[in-house]
């Protein structure tokens, strides 16, 4: 089984093109940085960098909604060798063929919204922040559907 999953951040803006095949398939290429699980004491977090490509509707989705620095969840993909000879030398390259992606975490555009917009999106409740906990306002007992 060749199934690869990761949470990562885009290291550059996606580049979209059209393949020279009968169907003129849309593709999007992008690079990601994946933090390594382990961090040695006294060292900074290390990351691996991967080149990715997606085709069809997935490619269009990535091109439309993801940009440099955005978090991304790649939930279904395959690792492929993209080895070839260039000027008499073998060039070895591993590429991730992405079949499915999802949003992961908060996008930059959401983080930059002002507090009033954030309150409106939460139905008037304050933004829960990164820990997802919100102080319950006084006098809310009457509005609770249970006691």
N, C-alpha and C. Protein backbone atom coordinates (compact mmCIF):
# COMPACT_ATOMS: atom_id res chain seq x y z
N UNK A 1 0.85 -1.18 0.00
CA UNK A 1 0.00 0.00 0.00
C UNK A 1 0.89 1.24 0.00
N UNK A 2 0.57 2.18 -0.84
CA UNK A 2 1.31 3.43 -0.96
C UNK A 2 0.35 4.56 -0.62
N UNK A 3 0.20 4.83 0.68
CA UNK A 3 -0.73 5.85 1.16
C UNK A 3 0.03 6.76 2.10
N UNK A 4 0.03 8.06 1.82
CA UNK A 4 0.83 9.01 2.58
C UNK A 4 -0.07 10.13 3.08
N UNK A 5 0.05 10.50 4.37
CA UNK A 5 -0.76 11.56 4.96
C UNK A 5 0.15 12.52 5.70
N UNK A 6 -0.24 13.81 5.73
CA UNK A 6 0.58 14.79 6.45
C UNK A 6 -0.21 16.05 6.72
N UNK A 7 0.19 16.74 7.78
CA UNK A 7 -0.23 18.12 8.00
C UNK A 7 1.01 18.95 7.72
N UNK A 8 0.83 20.04 7.01
CA UNK A 8 1.99 20.81 6.55
C UNK A 8 1.59 22.25 6.30
N UNK A 9 2.56 23.03 5.84
CA UNK A 9 2.32 24.41 5.38
C UNK A 9 2.92 24.56 3.99
N UNK A 10 2.23 25.32 3.15
CA UNK A 10 2.76 25.59 1.81
C UNK A 10 3.96 26.51 1.91
N UNK A 11 5.01 26.21 1.19
CA UNK A 11 6.22 27.04 1.23
C UNK A 11 6.27 28.04 0.08
N UNK A 12 5.36 27.91 -0.86
CA UNK A 12 5.24 28.88 -1.95
C UNK A 12 3.82 28.80 -2.50
N UNK A 13 3.44 29.78 -3.28
CA UNK A 13 2.11 29.77 -3.88
C UNK A 13 2.00 28.64 -4.90
N UNK A 14 0.85 28.00 -4.99
CA UNK A 14 0.66 26.93 -5.99
C UNK A 14 0.76 27.48 -7.40
N UNK A 15 1.26 26.64 -8.30
CA UNK A 15 1.38 26.99 -9.72
C UNK A 15 0.49 26.04 -10.50
N UNK A 16 -0.41 26.60 -11.29
CA UNK A 16 -1.38 25.79 -12.03
C UNK A 16 -1.06 25.81 -13.52
N UNK A 17 -1.33 24.67 -14.17
CA UNK A 17 -1.13 24.56 -15.60
C UNK A 17 -2.08 23.54 -16.18
N UNK A 18 -1.91 23.30 -17.49
CA UNK A 18 -2.73 22.31 -18.19
C UNK A 18 -1.81 21.30 -18.85
N UNK A 19 -2.09 20.03 -18.61
CA UNK A 19 -1.26 18.96 -19.18
C UNK A 19 -1.49 18.86 -20.68
N UNK A 20 -0.46 18.46 -21.40
CA UNK A 20 -0.55 18.28 -22.85
C UNK A 20 -1.06 16.88 -23.16
N UNK A 21 -2.28 16.58 -22.75
CA UNK A 21 -2.89 15.30 -23.06
C UNK A 21 -4.24 15.54 -23.72
N UNK A 22 -4.90 14.47 -24.11
CA UNK A 22 -6.18 14.60 -24.80
C UNK A 22 -7.22 15.38 -24.01
N UNK A 23 -7.27 15.13 -22.71
CA UNK A 23 -8.29 15.75 -21.86
C UNK A 23 -7.90 17.15 -21.39
N UNK A 24 -6.65 17.57 -21.64
CA UNK A 24 -6.16 18.88 -21.19
C UNK A 24 -6.38 19.02 -19.68
N UNK A 25 -5.90 18.04 -18.94
CA UNK A 25 -6.08 17.96 -17.50
C UNK A 25 -5.40 19.11 -16.78
N UNK A 26 -6.12 19.73 -15.85
CA UNK A 26 -5.56 20.79 -15.02
C UNK A 26 -4.69 20.15 -13.94
N UNK A 27 -3.54 20.76 -13.67
CA UNK A 27 -2.69 20.30 -12.58
C UNK A 27 -2.22 21.52 -11.78
N UNK A 28 -1.90 21.26 -10.53
CA UNK A 28 -1.34 22.30 -9.65
C UNK A 28 -0.15 21.71 -8.93
N UNK A 29 0.97 22.42 -8.99
CA UNK A 29 2.17 22.02 -8.26
C UNK A 29 2.37 22.97 -7.09
N UNK A 30 2.79 22.39 -5.95
CA UNK A 30 3.06 23.19 -4.77
C UNK A 30 4.05 22.46 -3.89
N UNK A 31 4.73 23.22 -3.04
CA UNK A 31 5.70 22.64 -2.12
C UNK A 31 5.20 22.80 -0.71
N UNK A 32 5.51 21.81 0.14
CA UNK A 32 5.08 21.85 1.54
C UNK A 32 6.26 21.59 2.47
N UNK A 33 6.13 22.06 3.69
CA UNK A 33 7.08 21.77 4.76
C UNK A 33 6.33 20.98 5.82
N UNK A 34 6.88 19.83 6.20
CA UNK A 34 6.28 18.97 7.20
C UNK A 34 7.22 18.90 8.39
N UNK A 35 6.76 19.37 9.57
CA UNK A 35 7.59 19.30 10.76
C UNK A 35 7.85 17.85 11.14
N UNK A 36 9.06 17.58 11.55
CA UNK A 36 9.39 16.23 12.02
C UNK A 36 8.79 16.02 13.41
N UNK A 37 8.49 14.77 13.72
CA UNK A 37 7.86 14.44 15.01
C UNK A 37 8.77 14.72 16.19
N UNK A 38 10.02 14.46 16.02
CA UNK A 38 10.94 14.56 17.15
C UNK A 38 11.82 15.79 17.03
N UNK A 39 12.06 16.38 18.19
CA UNK A 39 12.92 17.55 18.26
C UNK A 39 13.98 17.25 19.32
N UNK A 40 15.23 17.32 18.94
CA UNK A 40 16.31 17.08 19.89
C UNK A 40 16.42 18.24 20.84
N UNK A 41 16.74 17.94 22.09
CA UNK A 41 16.84 18.97 23.11
C UNK A 41 17.88 20.01 22.71
N UNK A 42 17.50 21.28 22.82
CA UNK A 42 18.41 22.38 22.49
C UNK A 42 18.45 22.72 21.01
N UNK A 43 17.70 22.01 20.18
CA UNK A 43 17.69 22.30 18.75
C UNK A 43 16.33 22.83 18.33
N UNK A 44 16.31 23.53 17.19
CA UNK A 44 15.06 24.02 16.65
C UNK A 44 14.30 22.89 15.97
N UNK A 45 12.99 23.08 15.81
CA UNK A 45 12.16 22.11 15.10
C UNK A 45 12.68 21.95 13.68
N UNK A 46 12.84 20.72 13.23
CA UNK A 46 13.33 20.45 11.88
C UNK A 46 12.15 20.06 11.00
N UNK A 47 12.26 20.30 9.71
CA UNK A 47 11.17 20.01 8.78
C UNK A 47 11.73 19.33 7.54
N UNK A 48 10.87 18.58 6.88
CA UNK A 48 11.17 18.01 5.57
C UNK A 48 10.35 18.76 4.54
N UNK A 49 10.92 18.94 3.36
CA UNK A 49 10.28 19.70 2.30
C UNK A 49 9.96 18.75 1.15
N UNK A 50 8.72 18.84 0.65
CA UNK A 50 8.24 17.93 -0.37
C UNK A 50 7.61 18.70 -1.53
N UNK A 51 7.79 18.18 -2.73
CA UNK A 51 7.14 18.71 -3.92
C UNK A 51 5.87 17.90 -4.14
N UNK A 52 4.77 18.59 -4.40
CA UNK A 52 3.48 17.92 -4.58
C UNK A 52 2.85 18.33 -5.90
N UNK A 53 1.99 17.45 -6.42
CA UNK A 53 1.21 17.77 -7.60
C UNK A 53 -0.18 17.15 -7.43
N UNK A 54 -1.20 17.90 -7.87
CA UNK A 54 -2.58 17.43 -7.83
C UNK A 54 -3.17 17.64 -9.22
N UNK A 55 -4.21 16.86 -9.54
CA UNK A 55 -4.83 16.93 -10.86
C UNK A 55 -6.33 17.15 -10.74
N UNK A 56 -6.94 17.68 -11.80
CA UNK A 56 -8.39 17.82 -11.89
C UNK A 56 -8.98 18.77 -10.86
N UNK A 57 -10.11 18.34 -10.27
CA UNK A 57 -10.83 19.18 -9.31
C UNK A 57 -10.00 19.47 -8.06
N UNK A 58 -9.20 18.51 -7.62
CA UNK A 58 -8.34 18.74 -6.47
C UNK A 58 -7.34 19.85 -6.78
N UNK A 59 -6.78 19.84 -7.97
CA UNK A 59 -5.84 20.89 -8.38
C UNK A 59 -6.51 22.25 -8.39
N UNK A 60 -7.72 22.33 -8.90
CA UNK A 60 -8.45 23.60 -8.95
C UNK A 60 -8.76 24.10 -7.54
N UNK A 61 -9.14 23.18 -6.64
CA UNK A 61 -9.44 23.54 -5.25
C UNK A 61 -8.21 24.13 -4.56
N UNK A 62 -7.07 23.48 -4.72
CA UNK A 62 -5.83 23.95 -4.09
C UNK A 62 -5.45 25.32 -4.64
N UNK A 63 -5.51 25.47 -5.95
CA UNK A 63 -5.15 26.75 -6.57
C UNK A 63 -6.04 27.89 -6.10
N UNK A 64 -7.31 27.60 -5.85
CA UNK A 64 -8.26 28.64 -5.47
C UNK A 64 -8.16 29.03 -3.99
N UNK A 65 -7.92 28.05 -3.11
CA UNK A 65 -8.06 28.31 -1.68
C UNK A 65 -6.77 28.29 -0.86
N UNK A 66 -5.65 27.89 -1.42
CA UNK A 66 -4.41 27.79 -0.65
C UNK A 66 -3.33 28.70 -1.21
N UNK A 67 -2.54 29.28 -0.28
CA UNK A 67 -1.46 30.18 -0.65
C UNK A 67 -0.26 29.91 0.24
N UNK A 68 0.85 30.54 -0.07
CA UNK A 68 2.08 30.38 0.71
C UNK A 68 1.80 30.63 2.20
N UNK A 69 2.27 29.71 3.05
CA UNK A 69 2.12 29.84 4.48
C UNK A 69 0.86 29.20 5.05
N UNK A 70 -0.10 28.86 4.20
CA UNK A 70 -1.35 28.26 4.68
C UNK A 70 -1.13 26.84 5.17
N UNK A 71 -1.81 26.47 6.27
CA UNK A 71 -1.76 25.08 6.71
C UNK A 71 -2.65 24.22 5.81
N UNK A 72 -2.25 22.97 5.61
CA UNK A 72 -2.99 22.07 4.74
C UNK A 72 -2.91 20.66 5.31
N UNK A 73 -3.98 19.91 5.17
CA UNK A 73 -4.01 18.52 5.56
C UNK A 73 -4.13 17.70 4.29
N UNK A 74 -3.11 16.92 4.01
CA UNK A 74 -3.13 16.03 2.85
C UNK A 74 -3.55 14.67 3.40
N UNK A 75 -4.76 14.25 3.06
CA UNK A 75 -5.30 13.04 3.69
C UNK A 75 -5.24 11.81 2.79
N UNK A 76 -4.98 11.99 1.52
CA UNK A 76 -4.83 10.84 0.65
C UNK A 76 -3.87 11.21 -0.48
N UNK A 77 -2.78 10.49 -0.57
CA UNK A 77 -1.78 10.77 -1.60
C UNK A 77 -0.87 9.56 -1.76
N UNK A 78 -0.02 9.64 -2.77
CA UNK A 78 0.95 8.58 -3.04
C UNK A 78 2.31 9.18 -3.28
N UNK A 79 3.34 8.48 -2.81
CA UNK A 79 4.72 8.88 -3.11
C UNK A 79 5.12 8.24 -4.43
N UNK A 80 5.73 9.03 -5.29
CA UNK A 80 6.19 8.51 -6.58
C UNK A 80 7.61 8.96 -6.85
N UNK A 81 8.38 8.09 -7.47
CA UNK A 81 9.70 8.49 -7.96
C UNK A 81 9.52 9.16 -9.30
N UNK A 82 10.13 10.29 -9.46
CA UNK A 82 10.08 11.02 -10.72
C UNK A 82 11.51 11.15 -11.21
N UNK A 83 12.17 10.00 -11.41
CA UNK A 83 13.58 9.97 -11.81
C UNK A 83 13.68 10.09 -13.32
N UNK A 84 14.71 10.82 -13.79
CA UNK A 84 14.94 10.95 -15.22
C UNK A 84 16.38 11.34 -15.48
N UNK A 85 16.76 11.16 -16.71
CA UNK A 85 18.13 11.51 -17.11
C UNK A 85 18.13 12.91 -17.71
N UNK A 86 19.02 13.76 -17.20
CA UNK A 86 19.16 15.12 -17.70
C UNK A 86 20.63 15.34 -18.02
N UNK A 87 20.93 15.63 -19.28
CA UNK A 87 22.31 15.86 -19.74
C UNK A 87 23.24 14.73 -19.34
N UNK A 88 22.76 13.49 -19.48
CA UNK A 88 23.59 12.33 -19.19
C UNK A 88 23.70 11.98 -17.72
N UNK A 89 23.07 12.73 -16.85
CA UNK A 89 23.09 12.47 -15.40
C UNK A 89 21.69 12.09 -14.93
N UNK A 90 21.63 11.10 -14.04
CA UNK A 90 20.34 10.74 -13.46
C UNK A 90 19.97 11.75 -12.38
N UNK A 91 18.75 12.26 -12.45
CA UNK A 91 18.23 13.17 -11.45
C UNK A 91 17.14 12.40 -10.70
N UNK A 92 17.31 12.28 -9.38
CA UNK A 92 16.37 11.54 -8.55
C UNK A 92 15.47 12.52 -7.81
N UNK A 93 14.19 12.26 -7.87
CA UNK A 93 13.24 13.16 -7.22
C UNK A 93 12.01 12.36 -6.77
N UNK A 94 11.60 12.61 -5.55
CA UNK A 94 10.38 12.01 -5.03
C UNK A 94 9.31 13.07 -5.03
N UNK A 95 8.13 12.71 -5.52
CA UNK A 95 7.03 13.65 -5.63
C UNK A 95 5.79 13.04 -4.99
N UNK A 96 4.98 13.88 -4.39
CA UNK A 96 3.74 13.43 -3.78
C UNK A 96 2.60 13.73 -4.74
N UNK A 97 1.88 12.67 -5.13
CA UNK A 97 0.71 12.83 -5.98
C UNK A 97 -0.49 12.95 -5.04
N UNK A 98 -1.06 14.14 -4.95
CA UNK A 98 -2.11 14.44 -3.98
C UNK A 98 -3.48 14.17 -4.60
N UNK A 99 -4.28 13.40 -3.86
CA UNK A 99 -5.63 13.09 -4.32
C UNK A 99 -6.70 13.80 -3.51
N UNK A 100 -6.40 14.12 -2.23
CA UNK A 100 -7.40 14.77 -1.38
C UNK A 100 -6.71 15.68 -0.38
N UNK A 101 -7.27 16.88 -0.20
CA UNK A 101 -6.75 17.82 0.79
C UNK A 101 -7.91 18.40 1.59
N UNK A 102 -7.57 18.93 2.75
CA UNK A 102 -8.55 19.60 3.59
C UNK A 102 -7.89 20.80 4.22
N UNK A 103 -8.72 21.75 4.68
CA UNK A 103 -8.19 22.87 5.44
C UNK A 103 -7.71 22.33 6.77
N UNK A 104 -6.66 22.93 7.30
CA UNK A 104 -6.13 22.50 8.59
C UNK A 104 -5.81 23.74 9.41
N UNK A 105 -6.46 23.86 10.57
CA UNK A 105 -6.22 25.04 11.38
C UNK A 105 -6.88 26.26 10.77
N UNK A 106 -6.47 27.40 11.24
CA UNK A 106 -7.05 28.66 10.76
C UNK A 106 -6.22 29.19 9.61
N UNK A 107 -6.88 29.62 8.56
CA UNK A 107 -6.20 30.23 7.43
C UNK A 107 -5.76 31.64 7.82
N UNK A 108 -4.74 32.15 7.17
CA UNK A 108 -4.24 33.49 7.45
C UNK A 108 -5.32 34.55 7.33
N UNK A 109 -6.17 34.45 6.31
CA UNK A 109 -7.21 35.45 6.11
C UNK A 109 -8.17 35.48 7.30
N UNK A 110 -8.43 34.33 7.92
CA UNK A 110 -9.30 34.30 9.10
C UNK A 110 -8.60 34.94 10.29
N UNK A 111 -7.30 34.75 10.42
CA UNK A 111 -6.56 35.28 11.56
C UNK A 111 -6.48 36.80 11.52
N UNK A 112 -6.58 37.39 10.33
CA UNK A 112 -6.41 38.83 10.19
C UNK A 112 -7.72 39.60 10.32
N UNK A 113 -8.83 38.91 10.54
CA UNK A 113 -10.10 39.61 10.66
C UNK A 113 -10.15 40.36 11.98
N UNK A 114 -10.88 41.48 11.98
CA UNK A 114 -10.97 42.24 13.22
C UNK A 114 -11.92 41.55 14.20
N UNK A 115 -11.89 42.00 15.45
CA UNK A 115 -12.65 41.36 16.52
C UNK A 115 -14.15 41.37 16.24
N UNK A 116 -14.69 42.46 15.69
CA UNK A 116 -16.13 42.53 15.43
C UNK A 116 -16.57 41.45 14.46
N UNK A 117 -15.81 41.21 13.42
CA UNK A 117 -16.15 40.17 12.46
C UNK A 117 -16.09 38.82 13.13
N UNK A 118 -15.10 38.59 13.98
CA UNK A 118 -14.97 37.31 14.68
C UNK A 118 -16.16 37.09 15.59
N UNK A 119 -16.62 38.15 16.28
CA UNK A 119 -17.80 38.02 17.14
C UNK A 119 -19.03 37.66 16.32
N UNK A 120 -19.19 38.28 15.14
CA UNK A 120 -20.34 37.99 14.30
C UNK A 120 -20.33 36.53 13.84
N UNK A 121 -19.17 35.99 13.53
CA UNK A 121 -19.07 34.61 13.07
C UNK A 121 -19.38 33.63 14.19
N UNK A 122 -19.18 34.03 15.43
CA UNK A 122 -19.42 33.15 16.57
C UNK A 122 -20.77 33.41 17.20
N UNK A 123 -21.68 34.03 16.49
CA UNK A 123 -23.01 34.29 17.02
C UNK A 123 -23.02 35.25 18.18
N UNK A 124 -22.08 36.19 18.22
CA UNK A 124 -22.00 37.16 19.29
C UNK A 124 -21.11 36.72 20.44
N UNK A 125 -20.67 35.47 20.41
CA UNK A 125 -19.77 34.98 21.46
C UNK A 125 -18.37 35.48 21.17
N UNK A 126 -17.53 35.67 22.20
CA UNK A 126 -16.15 36.07 21.95
C UNK A 126 -15.38 34.97 21.24
N UNK A 127 -14.32 35.36 20.54
CA UNK A 127 -13.45 34.40 19.85
C UNK A 127 -12.81 33.48 20.89
N UNK A 128 -12.93 32.16 20.72
CA UNK A 128 -12.38 31.25 21.71
C UNK A 128 -10.86 31.22 21.74
N UNK A 129 -10.21 31.74 20.73
CA UNK A 129 -8.74 31.75 20.72
C UNK A 129 -8.19 30.36 20.43
N UNK A 130 -6.94 30.16 20.76
CA UNK A 130 -6.28 28.91 20.41
C UNK A 130 -6.63 27.76 21.33
N UNK A 131 -7.08 28.04 22.58
CA UNK A 131 -7.37 26.94 23.49
C UNK A 131 -8.82 26.47 23.39
N UNK A 132 -9.65 27.13 22.58
CA UNK A 132 -11.04 26.76 22.32
C UNK A 132 -11.96 26.89 23.53
N UNK A 133 -11.54 27.55 24.60
CA UNK A 133 -12.39 27.76 25.76
C UNK A 133 -12.86 29.21 25.77
N UNK A 134 -14.10 29.42 26.18
CA UNK A 134 -14.69 30.75 26.26
C UNK A 134 -15.29 30.91 27.64
N UNK A 135 -15.11 32.08 28.25
CA UNK A 135 -15.77 32.36 29.52
C UNK A 135 -17.27 32.50 29.26
N UNK A 136 -18.07 31.84 30.10
CA UNK A 136 -19.52 31.92 29.96
C UNK A 136 -20.00 33.20 30.63
N UNK A 137 -20.74 34.04 29.89
CA UNK A 137 -21.19 35.31 30.45
C UNK A 137 -22.17 35.10 31.61
N UNK A 138 -22.21 36.07 32.56
CA UNK A 138 -23.17 36.03 33.66
C UNK A 138 -24.59 36.17 33.10
N UNK A 139 -25.56 35.52 33.75
CA UNK A 139 -26.97 35.63 33.37
C UNK A 139 -27.35 34.80 32.17
N UNK A 140 -26.53 33.87 31.77
CA UNK A 140 -26.80 33.05 30.58
C UNK A 140 -27.74 31.88 30.91
N UNK A 141 -27.98 31.64 32.22
CA UNK A 141 -28.77 30.50 32.63
C UNK A 141 -30.15 30.44 31.95
N UNK A 142 -30.80 31.60 31.74
CA UNK A 142 -32.10 31.61 31.13
C UNK A 142 -32.07 31.14 29.68
N UNK A 143 -30.95 31.30 29.00
CA UNK A 143 -30.84 30.95 27.59
C UNK A 143 -30.43 29.50 27.37
N UNK A 144 -29.98 28.82 28.41
CA UNK A 144 -29.50 27.45 28.26
C UNK A 144 -30.68 26.50 28.11
N UNK A 145 -30.62 25.56 27.16
CA UNK A 145 -31.74 24.64 26.94
C UNK A 145 -31.86 23.57 28.02
N UNK A 146 -30.94 23.52 28.94
CA UNK A 146 -30.97 22.53 30.01
C UNK A 146 -30.45 23.17 31.27
N UNK A 147 -30.72 22.58 32.42
CA UNK A 147 -30.21 23.12 33.70
C UNK A 147 -29.62 22.01 34.53
